[in-house]
Amino acid sequence: MVVETRYAVGDGLLLGAADHWVLTTDPHDDDVVDELWAVISRARASDVSTTEQVLAIVEKAFGGDPPALAIVVSPYTCSARGAAQTRGGMGD
């Protein structure tokens, strides 16, 4: 399987694979990025939900307090932490 990847310098990190998307403050750690990719691309099998795995990785990377994190699992599940938290429901 060929995986297309792109990189642009910035303060954030956006990873997407199929119906799983993660947007977070850049942890500046390739190992963290690799762990996140393994989870959202489903390369790492687990009985724990994708959202819970991503939360655990990002919270560990930022000492329990991620500056900004949004997780989308299509079609309609979204979780946010830090500066990415939503103020209202969908459509607000």
PDB file of N, CA and C in Angstrom:
ATOM      1  N   MET A   1       0.835  -1.164   0.000  1.00  0.00           N
ATOM      2  CA  MET A   1       0.000   0.000   0.000  1.00  0.00           C
ATOM      3  C   MET A   1       0.891   1.242   0.000  1.00  0.00           C
ATOM      4  N   VAL A   2       0.563   2.205  -0.841  1.00  0.00           N
ATOM      5  CA  VAL A   2       1.291   3.461  -0.904  1.00  0.00           C
ATOM      6  C   VAL A   2       0.543   4.480  -0.047  1.00  0.00           C
ATOM      7  N   VAL A   3       1.273   5.130   0.860  1.00  0.00           N
ATOM      8  CA  VAL A   3       0.682   6.151   1.713  1.00  0.00           C
ATOM      9  C   VAL A   3       1.278   7.487   1.330  1.00  0.00           C
ATOM     10  N   GLU A   4       0.419   8.416   0.950  1.00  0.00           N
ATOM     11  CA  GLU A   4       0.884   9.747   0.597  1.00  0.00           C
ATOM     12  C   GLU A   4       1.004  10.572   1.868  1.00  0.00           C
ATOM     13  N   THR A   5       2.132  11.213   2.056  1.00  0.00           N
ATOM     14  CA  THR A   5       2.324  12.072   3.220  1.00  0.00           C
ATOM     15  C   THR A   5       2.772  13.447   2.756  1.00  0.00           C
ATOM     16  N   ARG A   6       2.398  14.448   3.545  1.00  0.00           N
ATOM     17  CA  ARG A   6       2.797  15.822   3.261  1.00  0.00           C
ATOM     18  C   ARG A   6       3.174  16.474   4.577  1.00  0.00           C
ATOM     19  N   TYR A   7       4.056  17.445   4.499  1.00  0.00           N
ATOM     20  CA  TYR A   7       4.490  18.148   5.690  1.00  0.00           C
ATOM     21  C   TYR A   7       4.599  19.632   5.393  1.00  0.00           C
ATOM     22  N   ALA A   8       4.096  20.440   6.301  1.00  0.00           N
ATOM     23  CA  ALA A   8       4.254  21.887   6.208  1.00  0.00           C
ATOM     24  C   ALA A   8       4.593  22.395   7.600  1.00  0.00           C
ATOM     25  N   VAL A   9       5.560  23.272   7.674  1.00  0.00           N
ATOM     26  CA  VAL A   9       5.991  23.808   8.958  1.00  0.00           C
ATOM     27  C   VAL A   9       4.865  24.624   9.590  1.00  0.00           C
ATOM     28  N   GLY A  10       4.669  24.438  10.886  1.00  0.00           N
ATOM     29  CA  GLY A  10       3.650  25.202  11.604  1.00  0.00           C
ATOM     30  C   GLY A  10       3.618  24.820  13.067  1.00  0.00           C
ATOM     31  N   ASP A  11       2.700  25.429  13.799  1.00  0.00           N
ATOM     32  CA  ASP A  11       2.573  25.165  15.232  1.00  0.00           C
ATOM     33  C   ASP A  11       1.748  23.926  15.531  1.00  0.00           C
ATOM     34  N   GLY A  12       0.985  23.453  14.550  1.00  0.00           N
ATOM     35  CA  GLY A  12       0.091  22.334  14.777  1.00  0.00           C
ATOM     36  C   GLY A  12       0.477  21.105  14.005  1.00  0.00           C
ATOM     37  N   LEU A  13      -0.151  20.017  14.391  1.00  0.00           N
ATOM     38  CA  LEU A  13       0.052  18.731  13.735  1.00  0.00           C
ATOM     39  C   LEU A  13      -1.315  18.190  13.360  1.00  0.00           C
ATOM     40  N   LEU A  14      -1.515  17.875  12.100  1.00  0.00           N
ATOM     41  CA  LEU A  14      -2.754  17.291  11.617  1.00  0.00           C
ATOM     42  C   LEU A  14      -2.437  15.945  10.998  1.00  0.00           C
ATOM     43  N   LEU A  15      -3.062  14.901  11.511  1.00  0.00           N
ATOM     44  CA  LEU A  15      -2.909  13.554  10.959  1.00  0.00           C
ATOM     45  C   LEU A  15      -4.288  13.034  10.604  1.00  0.00           C
ATOM     46  N   GLY A  16      -4.406  12.409   9.443  1.00  0.00           N
ATOM     47  CA  GLY A  16      -5.687  11.855   9.040  1.00  0.00           C
ATOM     48  C   GLY A  16      -5.512  10.551   8.305  1.00  0.00           C
ATOM     49  N   ALA A  17      -6.368   9.604   8.633  1.00  0.00           N
ATOM     50  CA  ALA A  17      -6.377   8.313   7.957  1.00  0.00           C
ATOM     51  C   ALA A  17      -7.820   7.823   7.946  1.00  0.00           C
ATOM     52  N   ALA A  18      -8.373   7.687   6.757  1.00  0.00           N
ATOM     53  CA  ALA A  18      -9.759   7.232   6.594  1.00  0.00           C
ATOM     54  C   ALA A  18     -10.682   8.139   7.409  1.00  0.00           C
ATOM     55  N   ASP A  19     -11.374   7.584   8.406  1.00  0.00           N
ATOM     56  CA  ASP A  19     -12.341   8.374   9.167  1.00  0.00           C
ATOM     57  C   ASP A  19     -11.809   8.839  10.525  1.00  0.00           C
ATOM     58  N   HIS A  20     -10.494   8.810  10.715  1.00  0.00           N
ATOM     59  CA  HIS A  20      -9.875   9.260  11.961  1.00  0.00           C
ATOM     60  C   HIS A  20      -8.963  10.457  11.680  1.00  0.00           C
ATOM     61  N   TRP A  21      -9.190  11.551  12.413  1.00  0.00           N
ATOM     62  CA  TRP A  21      -8.393  12.770  12.243  1.00  0.00           C
ATOM     63  C   TRP A  21      -7.991  13.309  13.596  1.00  0.00           C
ATOM     64  N   VAL A  22      -6.750  13.764  13.707  1.00  0.00           N
ATOM     65  CA  VAL A  22      -6.229  14.348  14.940  1.00  0.00           C
ATOM     66  C   VAL A  22      -5.561  15.672  14.586  1.00  0.00           C
ATOM     67  N   LEU A  23      -5.939  16.718  15.306  1.00  0.00           N
ATOM     68  CA  LEU A  23      -5.299  18.022  15.185  1.00  0.00           C
ATOM     69  C   LEU A  23      -4.834  18.412  16.575  1.00  0.00           C
ATOM     70  N   THR A  24      -3.552  18.657  16.724  1.00  0.00           N
ATOM     71  CA  THR A  24      -3.002  18.987  18.029  1.00  0.00           C
ATOM     72  C   THR A  24      -1.820  19.939  17.880  1.00  0.00           C
ATOM     73  N   THR A  25      -1.459  20.541  18.988  1.00  0.00           N
ATOM     74  CA  THR A  25      -0.235  21.319  19.036  1.00  0.00           C
ATOM     75  C   THR A  25       0.916  20.375  18.700  1.00  0.00           C
ATOM     76  N   ASP A  26       1.857  20.827  17.901  1.00  0.00           N
ATOM     77  CA  ASP A  26       2.986  19.978  17.513  1.00  0.00           C
ATOM     78  C   ASP A  26       3.792  19.585  18.750  1.00  0.00           C
ATOM     79  N   PRO A  27       3.926  18.282  19.013  1.00  0.00           N
ATOM     80  CA  PRO A  27       4.681  17.851  20.189  1.00  0.00           C
ATOM     81  C   PRO A  27       6.198  17.926  19.990  1.00  0.00           C
ATOM     82  N   HIS A  28       6.648  18.203  18.763  1.00  0.00           N
ATOM     83  CA  HIS A  28       8.076  18.272  18.441  1.00  0.00           C
ATOM     84  C   HIS A  28       8.804  17.001  18.872  1.00  0.00           C
ATOM     85  N   ASP A  29       8.165  15.867  18.642  1.00  0.00           N
ATOM     86  CA  ASP A  29       8.733  14.574  19.020  1.00  0.00           C
ATOM     87  C   ASP A  29       8.279  13.546  17.989  1.00  0.00           C
ATOM     88  N   ASP A  30       9.205  13.075  17.170  1.00  0.00           N
ATOM     89  CA  ASP A  30       8.871  12.115  16.114  1.00  0.00           C
ATOM     90  C   ASP A  30       8.266  10.834  16.665  1.00  0.00           C
ATOM     91  N   ASP A  31       8.687  10.398  17.848  1.00  0.00           N
ATOM     92  CA  ASP A  31       8.132   9.174  18.435  1.00  0.00           C
ATOM     93  C   ASP A  31       6.651   9.337  18.752  1.00  0.00           C
ATOM     94  N   VAL A  32       6.261  10.515  19.228  1.00  0.00           N
ATOM     95  CA  VAL A  32       4.847  10.787  19.521  1.00  0.00           C
ATOM     96  C   VAL A  32       4.046  10.771  18.221  1.00  0.00           C
ATOM     97  N   VAL A  33       4.574  11.399  17.195  1.00  0.00           N
ATOM     98  CA  VAL A  33       3.897  11.424  15.894  1.00  0.00           C
ATOM     99  C   VAL A  33       3.744   9.997  15.360  1.00  0.00           C
ATOM    100  N   ASP A  34       4.787   9.191  15.472  1.00  0.00           N
ATOM    101  CA  ASP A  34       4.725   7.797  15.023  1.00  0.00           C
ATOM    102  C   ASP A  34       3.669   7.012  15.798  1.00  0.00           C
ATOM    103  N   GLU A  35       3.583   7.241  17.106  1.00  0.00           N
ATOM    104  CA  GLU A  35       2.569   6.559  17.927  1.00  0.00           C
ATOM    105  C   GLU A  35       1.162   6.960  17.499  1.00  0.00           C
ATOM    106  N   LEU A  36       0.954   8.251  17.298  1.00  0.00           N
ATOM    107  CA  LEU A  36      -0.361   8.722  16.861  1.00  0.00           C
ATOM    108  C   LEU A  36      -0.737   8.128  15.511  1.00  0.00           C
ATOM    109  N   TRP A  37       0.229   8.106  14.583  1.00  0.00           N
ATOM    110  CA  TRP A  37      -0.037   7.550  13.259  1.00  0.00           C
ATOM    111  C   TRP A  37      -0.409   6.072  13.358  1.00  0.00           C
ATOM    112  N   ALA A  38       0.298   5.323  14.189  1.00  0.00           N
ATOM    113  CA  ALA A  38       0.005   3.893  14.351  1.00  0.00           C
ATOM    114  C   ALA A  38      -1.422   3.686  14.844  1.00  0.00           C
ATOM    115  N   VAL A  39      -1.879   4.572  15.718  1.00  0.00           N
ATOM    116  CA  VAL A  39      -3.239   4.443  16.255  1.00  0.00           C
ATOM    117  C   VAL A  39      -4.288   4.801  15.204  1.00  0.00           C
ATOM    118  N   ILE A  40      -4.151   5.989  14.573  1.00  0.00           N
ATOM    119  CA  ILE A  40      -5.222   6.413  13.662  1.00  0.00           C
ATOM    120  C   ILE A  40      -5.223   5.651  12.348  1.00  0.00           C
ATOM    121  N   SER A  41      -4.075   5.115  11.957  1.00  0.00           N
ATOM    122  CA  SER A  41      -4.035   4.320  10.720  1.00  0.00           C
ATOM    123  C   SER A  41      -4.386   2.862  10.997  1.00  0.00           C
ATOM    124  N   ARG A  42      -4.629   2.570  12.258  1.00  0.00           N
ATOM    125  CA  ARG A  42      -5.008   1.229  12.725  1.00  0.00           C
ATOM    126  C   ARG A  42      -3.914   0.194  12.489  1.00  0.00           C
ATOM    127  N   ALA A  43      -2.671   0.659  12.467  1.00  0.00           N
ATOM    128  CA  ALA A  43      -1.534  -0.254  12.334  1.00  0.00           C
ATOM    129  C   ALA A  43      -1.274  -0.976  13.652  1.00  0.00           C
ATOM    130  N   ARG A  44      -1.752  -0.397  14.737  1.00  0.00           N
ATOM    131  CA  ARG A  44      -1.580  -0.998  16.058  1.00  0.00           C
ATOM    132  C   ARG A  44      -2.945  -1.451  16.567  1.00  0.00           C
ATOM    133  N   ALA A  45      -3.129  -2.748  16.697  1.00  0.00           N
ATOM    134  CA  ALA A  45      -4.401  -3.294  17.162  1.00  0.00           C
ATOM    135  C   ALA A  45      -4.553  -3.065  18.662  1.00  0.00           C
ATOM    136  N   SER A  46      -5.800  -2.777  19.082  1.00  0.00           N
ATOM    137  CA  SER A  46      -6.056  -2.542  20.493  1.00  0.00           C
ATOM    138  C   SER A  46      -7.532  -2.727  20.789  1.00  0.00           C
ATOM    139  N   ASP A  47      -7.824  -3.095  22.032  1.00  0.00           N
ATOM    140  CA  ASP A  47      -9.204  -3.188  22.481  1.00  0.00           C
ATOM    141  C   ASP A  47      -9.711  -1.831  22.976  1.00  0.00           C
ATOM    142  N   VAL A  48      -8.811  -0.863  23.089  1.00  0.00           N
ATOM    143  CA  VAL A  48      -9.144   0.482  23.563  1.00  0.00           C
ATOM    144  C   VAL A  48      -9.527   1.337  22.359  1.00  0.00           C
ATOM    145  N   SER A  49     -10.508   2.223  22.527  1.00  0.00           N
ATOM    146  CA  SER A  49     -10.962   3.050  21.407  1.00  0.00           C
ATOM    147  C   SER A  49      -9.842   3.952  20.896  1.00  0.00           C
ATOM    148  N   THR A  50      -9.959   4.334  19.647  1.00  0.00           N
ATOM    149  CA  THR A  50      -8.984   5.232  19.033  1.00  0.00           C
ATOM    150  C   THR A  50      -8.902   6.536  19.815  1.00  0.00           C
ATOM    151  N   THR A  51     -10.040   7.084  20.189  1.00  0.00           N
ATOM    152  CA  THR A  51     -10.064   8.338  20.941  1.00  0.00           C
ATOM    153  C   THR A  51      -9.303   8.210  22.254  1.00  0.00           C
ATOM    154  N   GLU A  52      -9.543   7.152  22.989  1.00  0.00           N
ATOM    155  CA  GLU A  52      -8.858   6.959  24.268  1.00  0.00           C
ATOM    156  C   GLU A  52      -7.349   6.799  24.073  1.00  0.00           C
ATOM    157  N   GLN A  53      -6.943   6.085  23.026  1.00  0.00           N
ATOM    158  CA  GLN A  53      -5.515   5.905  22.757  1.00  0.00           C
ATOM    159  C   GLN A  53      -4.848   7.235  22.411  1.00  0.00           C
ATOM    160  N   VAL A  54      -5.498   8.027  21.549  1.00  0.00           N
ATOM    161  CA  VAL A  54      -4.944   9.319  21.168  1.00  0.00           C
ATOM    162  C   VAL A  54      -4.841  10.232  22.386  1.00  0.00           C
ATOM    163  N   LEU A  55      -5.891  10.277  23.200  1.00  0.00           N
ATOM    164  CA  LEU A  55      -5.853  11.099  24.411  1.00  0.00           C
ATOM    165  C   LEU A  55      -4.682  10.715  25.302  1.00  0.00           C
ATOM    166  N   ALA A  56      -4.477   9.435  25.500  1.00  0.00           N
ATOM    167  CA  ALA A  56      -3.390   8.972  26.362  1.00  0.00           C
ATOM    168  C   ALA A  56      -2.025   9.393  25.821  1.00  0.00           C
ATOM    169  N   ILE A  57      -1.826   9.251  24.509  1.00  0.00           N
ATOM    170  CA  ILE A  57      -0.541   9.614  23.894  1.00  0.00           C
ATOM    171  C   ILE A  57      -0.287  11.112  24.016  1.00  0.00           C
ATOM    172  N   VAL A  58      -1.287  11.921  23.678  1.00  0.00           N
ATOM    173  CA  VAL A  58      -1.104  13.374  23.684  1.00  0.00           C
ATOM    174  C   VAL A  58      -0.976  13.906  25.111  1.00  0.00           C
ATOM    175  N   GLU A  59      -1.777  13.393  26.024  1.00  0.00           N
ATOM    176  CA  GLU A  59      -1.671  13.850  27.412  1.00  0.00           C
ATOM    177  C   GLU A  59      -0.294  13.515  27.991  1.00  0.00           C
ATOM    178  N   LYS A  60       0.229  12.342  27.659  1.00  0.00           N
ATOM    179  CA  LYS A  60       1.571  11.971  28.120  1.00  0.00           C
ATOM    180  C   LYS A  60       2.631  12.898  27.513  1.00  0.00           C
ATOM    181  N   ALA A  61       2.483  13.206  26.224  1.00  0.00           N
ATOM    182  CA  ALA A  61       3.465  14.056  25.537  1.00  0.00           C
ATOM    183  C   ALA A  61       3.513  15.470  26.108  1.00  0.00           C
ATOM    184  N   PHE A  62       2.378  15.937  26.612  1.00  0.00           N
ATOM    185  CA  PHE A  62       2.307  17.302  27.136  1.00  0.00           C
ATOM    186  C   PHE A  62       2.145  17.333  28.654  1.00  0.00           C
ATOM    187  N   GLY A  63       2.575  16.289  29.326  1.00  0.00           N
ATOM    188  CA  GLY A  63       2.527  16.284  30.786  1.00  0.00           C
ATOM    189  C   GLY A  63       1.126  16.379  31.353  1.00  0.00           C
ATOM    190  N   GLY A  64       0.146  15.771  30.663  1.00  0.00           N
ATOM    191  CA  GLY A  64      -1.229  15.739  31.148  1.00  0.00           C
ATOM    192  C   GLY A  64      -2.083  16.911  30.734  1.00  0.00           C
ATOM    193  N   ASP A  65      -1.511  17.902  30.058  1.00  0.00           N
ATOM    194  CA  ASP A  65      -2.264  19.108  29.714  1.00  0.00           C
ATOM    195  C   ASP A  65      -1.947  19.570  28.294  1.00  0.00           C
ATOM    196  N   PRO A  66      -2.561  18.928  27.278  1.00  0.00           N
ATOM    197  CA  PRO A  66      -2.266  19.330  25.905  1.00  0.00           C
ATOM    198  C   PRO A  66      -2.772  20.749  25.634  1.00  0.00           C
ATOM    199  N   PRO A  67      -1.930  21.600  25.022  1.00  0.00           N
ATOM    200  CA  PRO A  67      -2.356  22.972  24.722  1.00  0.00           C
ATOM    201  C   PRO A  67      -3.596  23.019  23.830  1.00  0.00           C
ATOM    202  N   ALA A  68      -3.659  22.123  22.845  1.00  0.00           N
ATOM    203  CA  ALA A  68      -4.815  22.057  21.957  1.00  0.00           C
ATOM    204  C   ALA A  68      -4.880  20.662  21.342  1.00  0.00           C
ATOM    205  N   LEU A  69      -6.083  20.105  21.318  1.00  0.00           N
ATOM    206  CA  LEU A  69      -6.274  18.765  20.748  1.00  0.00           C
ATOM    207  C   LEU A  69      -7.702  18.625  20.272  1.00  0.00           C
ATOM    208  N   ALA A  70      -7.874  18.166  19.044  1.00  0.00           N
ATOM    209  CA  ALA A  70      -9.190  17.814  18.510  1.00  0.00           C
ATOM    210  C   ALA A  70      -9.069  16.455  17.844  1.00  0.00           C
ATOM    211  N   ILE A  71     -10.009  15.581  18.145  1.00  0.00           N
ATOM    212  CA  ILE A  71     -10.041  14.240  17.568  1.00  0.00           C
ATOM    213  C   ILE A  71     -11.396  14.074  16.893  1.00  0.00           C
ATOM    214  N   VAL A  72     -11.382  13.691  15.631  1.00  0.00           N
ATOM    215  CA  VAL A  72     -12.625  13.448  14.909  1.00  0.00           C
ATOM    216  C   VAL A  72     -12.614  12.013  14.424  1.00  0.00           C
ATOM    217  N   VAL A  73     -13.673  11.303  14.774  1.00  0.00           N
ATOM    218  CA  VAL A  73     -13.896   9.957  14.267  1.00  0.00           C
ATOM    219  C   VAL A  73     -15.223  10.032  13.523  1.00  0.00           C
ATOM    220  N   SER A  74     -15.151   9.990  12.194  1.00  0.00           N
ATOM    221  CA  SER A  74     -16.345  10.167  11.380  1.00  0.00           C
ATOM    222  C   SER A  74     -17.323   9.034  11.595  1.00  0.00           C
ATOM    223  N   PRO A  75     -18.606   9.272  11.484  1.00  0.00           N
ATOM    224  CA  PRO A  75     -19.115  10.480  10.891  1.00  0.00           C
ATOM    225  C   PRO A  75     -19.384  11.623  11.871  1.00  0.00           C
ATOM    226  N   TYR A  76     -19.631  11.406  13.157  1.00  0.00           N
ATOM    227  CA  TYR A  76     -20.056  12.531  13.980  1.00  0.00           C
ATOM    228  C   TYR A  76     -19.486  12.575  15.390  1.00  0.00           C
ATOM    229  N   THR A  77     -18.346  11.975  15.652  1.00  0.00           N
ATOM    230  CA  THR A  77     -17.784  11.996  16.991  1.00  0.00           C
ATOM    231  C   THR A  77     -16.582  12.928  17.017  1.00  0.00           C
ATOM    232  N   CYS A  78     -16.593  13.859  17.955  1.00  0.00           N
ATOM    233  CA  CYS A  78     -15.494  14.806  18.082  1.00  0.00           C
ATOM    234  C   CYS A  78     -15.186  15.005  19.557  1.00  0.00           C
ATOM    235  N   SER A  79     -13.916  14.978  19.904  1.00  0.00           N
ATOM    236  CA  SER A  79     -13.457  15.268  21.258  1.00  0.00           C
ATOM    237  C   SER A  79     -12.446  16.381  21.170  1.00  0.00           C
ATOM    238  N   ALA A  80     -12.426  17.265  22.172  1.00  0.00           N
ATOM    239  CA  ALA A  80     -11.478  18.385  22.158  1.00  0.00           C
ATOM    240  C   ALA A  80     -10.948  18.642  23.554  1.00  0.00           C
ATOM    241  N   ARG A  81      -9.729  19.148  23.607  1.00  0.00           N
ATOM    242  CA  ARG A  81      -9.073  19.511  24.862  1.00  0.00           C
ATOM    243  C   ARG A  81      -8.327  20.819  24.658  1.00  0.00           C
ATOM    244  N   GLY A  82      -8.042  21.511  25.727  1.00  0.00           N
ATOM    245  CA  GLY A  82      -7.259  22.738  25.655  1.00  0.00           C
ATOM    246  C   GLY A  82      -7.912  23.794  24.799  1.00  0.00           C
ATOM    247  N   ALA A  83      -7.132  24.498  24.019  1.00  0.00           N
ATOM    248  CA  ALA A  83      -7.614  25.601  23.184  1.00  0.00           C
ATOM    249  C   ALA A  83      -8.554  25.132  22.083  1.00  0.00           C
ATOM    250  N   ALA A  84      -8.609  23.852  21.816  1.00  0.00           N
ATOM    251  CA  ALA A  84      -9.479  23.330  20.751  1.00  0.00           C
ATOM    252  C   ALA A  84     -10.873  22.986  21.246  1.00  0.00           C
ATOM    253  N   GLN A  85     -11.167  23.190  22.532  1.00  0.00           N
ATOM    254  CA  GLN A  85     -12.480  22.821  23.044  1.00  0.00           C
ATOM    255  C   GLN A  85     -13.563  23.647  22.387  1.00  0.00           C
ATOM    256  N   THR A  86     -14.694  22.980  22.142  1.00  0.00           N
ATOM    257  CA  THR A  86     -15.818  23.647  21.502  1.00  0.00           C
ATOM    258  C   THR A  86     -16.661  24.373  22.532  1.00  0.00           C
ATOM    259  N   ARG A  87     -17.357  25.395  22.093  1.00  0.00           N
ATOM    260  CA  ARG A  87     -18.227  26.179  22.968  1.00  0.00           C
ATOM    261  C   ARG A  87     -19.680  25.735  22.866  1.00  0.00           C
ATOM    262  N   GLY A  88     -20.032  25.050  21.807  1.00  0.00           N
ATOM    263  CA  GLY A  88     -21.422  24.644  21.621  1.00  0.00           C
ATOM    264  C   GLY A  88     -21.478  23.356  20.834  1.00  0.00           C
ATOM    265  N   GLY A  89     -22.674  22.868  20.598  1.00  0.00           N
ATOM    266  CA  GLY A  89     -22.860  21.631  19.855  1.00  0.00           C
ATOM    267  C   GLY A  89     -22.749  21.857  18.365  1.00  0.00           C
ATOM    268  N   MET A  90     -22.894  20.796  17.606  1.00  0.00           N
ATOM    269  CA  MET A  90     -22.831  20.890  16.159  1.00  0.00           C
ATOM    270  C   MET A  90     -23.961  21.792  15.669  1.00  0.00           C
ATOM    271  N   GLY A  91     -23.644  22.683  14.770  1.00  0.00           N
ATOM    272  CA  GLY A  91     -24.649  23.574  14.218  1.00  0.00           C
ATOM    273  C   GLY A  91     -24.786  24.868  14.999  1.00  0.00           C
ATOM    274  N   ASP A  92     -24.134  25.005  16.138  1.00  0.00           N
ATOM    275  CA  ASP A  92     -24.216  26.238  16.928  1.00  0.00           C
ATOM    276  C   ASP A  92     -23.324  27.305  16.339  1.00  0.00           C
TER     277      ASP A  92
END
